[in-house]
Protein backbone atom coordinates (compact mmCIF):
# COMPACT_ATOMS: atom_id res chain seq x y z
CA UNK A 1 -19.16 -12.24 -6.28
CA UNK A 2 -17.56 -9.24 -7.53
CA UNK A 3 -18.99 -8.58 -10.97
CA UNK A 4 -15.14 -7.43 -12.05
CA UNK A 5 -14.08 -10.65 -10.90
CA UNK A 6 -16.43 -13.21 -12.02
CA UNK A 7 -16.00 -11.54 -16.00
CA UNK A 8 -12.22 -12.37 -15.44
CA UNK A 9 -12.65 -16.24 -14.25
CA UNK A 10 -15.71 -16.85 -16.88
CA UNK A 11 -11.91 -16.13 -19.50
CA UNK A 12 -9.99 -17.90 -17.52
CA UNK A 13 -7.50 -15.14 -17.32
CA UNK A 14 -5.59 -14.17 -14.09
CA UNK A 15 -5.73 -9.81 -11.95
CA UNK A 16 -2.11 -9.99 -13.35
CA UNK A 17 -3.45 -10.18 -17.07
CA UNK A 18 -6.58 -7.69 -16.33
CA UNK A 19 -3.91 -5.15 -14.53
CA UNK A 20 -1.47 -5.37 -17.61
CA UNK A 21 -4.69 -4.91 -20.36
CA UNK A 22 -4.58 -1.64 -18.25
CA UNK A 23 -1.04 -0.55 -17.56
CA UNK A 24 -1.68 -0.86 -14.22
CA UNK A 25 -0.51 -2.53 -11.10
CA UNK A 26 -1.52 -5.80 -10.05
CA UNK A 27 -1.69 -4.93 -6.41
CA UNK A 28 -4.10 -1.58 -7.16
CA UNK A 29 -6.46 -4.07 -10.30
CA UNK A 30 -7.20 -6.33 -7.22
CA UNK A 31 -8.04 -3.40 -5.09
CA UNK A 32 -10.34 -2.53 -7.98
CA UNK A 33 -11.87 -6.32 -7.37
CA UNK A 34 -11.84 -6.61 -3.40
CA UNK A 35 -14.12 -2.74 -4.43
CA UNK A 36 -11.06 -1.03 -1.99
CA UNK A 37 -11.49 1.27 -4.40
CA UNK A 38 -12.97 3.91 -7.64
CA UNK A 39 -12.51 2.25 -11.16
CA UNK A 40 -11.14 5.19 -12.74
CA UNK A 41 -13.92 5.88 -15.73
CA UNK A 42 -11.21 5.18 -17.87
CA UNK A 43 -10.94 1.54 -16.60
CA UNK A 44 -14.70 1.12 -16.17
CA UNK A 45 -14.97 1.97 -19.82
CA UNK A 46 -12.03 -0.41 -21.20
CA UNK A 47 -13.16 -2.87 -18.87
CA UNK A 48 -17.28 -3.22 -20.50
CA UNK A 49 -15.39 -2.89 -23.71
CA UNK A 50 -12.93 -5.55 -22.73
CA UNK A 51 -15.79 -8.18 -21.68
CA UNK A 52 -18.49 -6.92 -24.75
CA UNK A 53 -20.67 -5.70 -21.50
CA UNK A 54 -21.87 -2.66 -19.92
CA UNK A 55 -20.55 -0.33 -17.54
CA UNK A 56 -24.15 -0.67 -16.12
CA UNK A 57 -23.89 -4.51 -15.18
CA UNK A 58 -19.55 -4.29 -14.08
CA UNK A 59 -21.72 -1.50 -11.17
CA UNK A 60 -25.09 -3.74 -10.61
CA UNK A 61 -26.74 -1.21 -12.01
CA UNK A 62 -28.34 -3.46 -14.00
CA UNK A 63 -28.50 -7.79 -14.49
CA UNK A 64 -28.39 -7.93 -18.51
CA UNK A 65 -24.54 -8.42 -19.48
CA UNK A 66 -25.28 -7.54 -23.00
CA UNK A 67 -24.06 -4.74 -24.11
CA UNK A 68 -26.08 -1.43 -24.76
CA UNK A 69 -26.58 -1.31 -29.19
CA UNK A 70 -24.22 1.03 -30.44
CA UNK A 71 -25.86 4.39 -30.89
CA UNK A 72 -24.56 7.48 -33.68
CA UNK A 73 -24.43 10.24 -33.03
CA UNK A 74 -26.00 13.09 -35.59
CA UNK A 75 -24.15 16.28 -35.75
């Protein structure tokens, strides 16, 4: 199962709900879930934050659902 779909269904949301959150059409969001087009980085970031996970989890680079700890960048 697609990770985006899995995450969305775990929250009992519809594609339209996530599309509204991203401010895009539901048909465009559907293409992301079906892996017909690549998800722009800005949307990946928003989705990872929304689902409290990592971009790596969404992209199948890890099976660890827990997000990485936020780091404080030193200047």
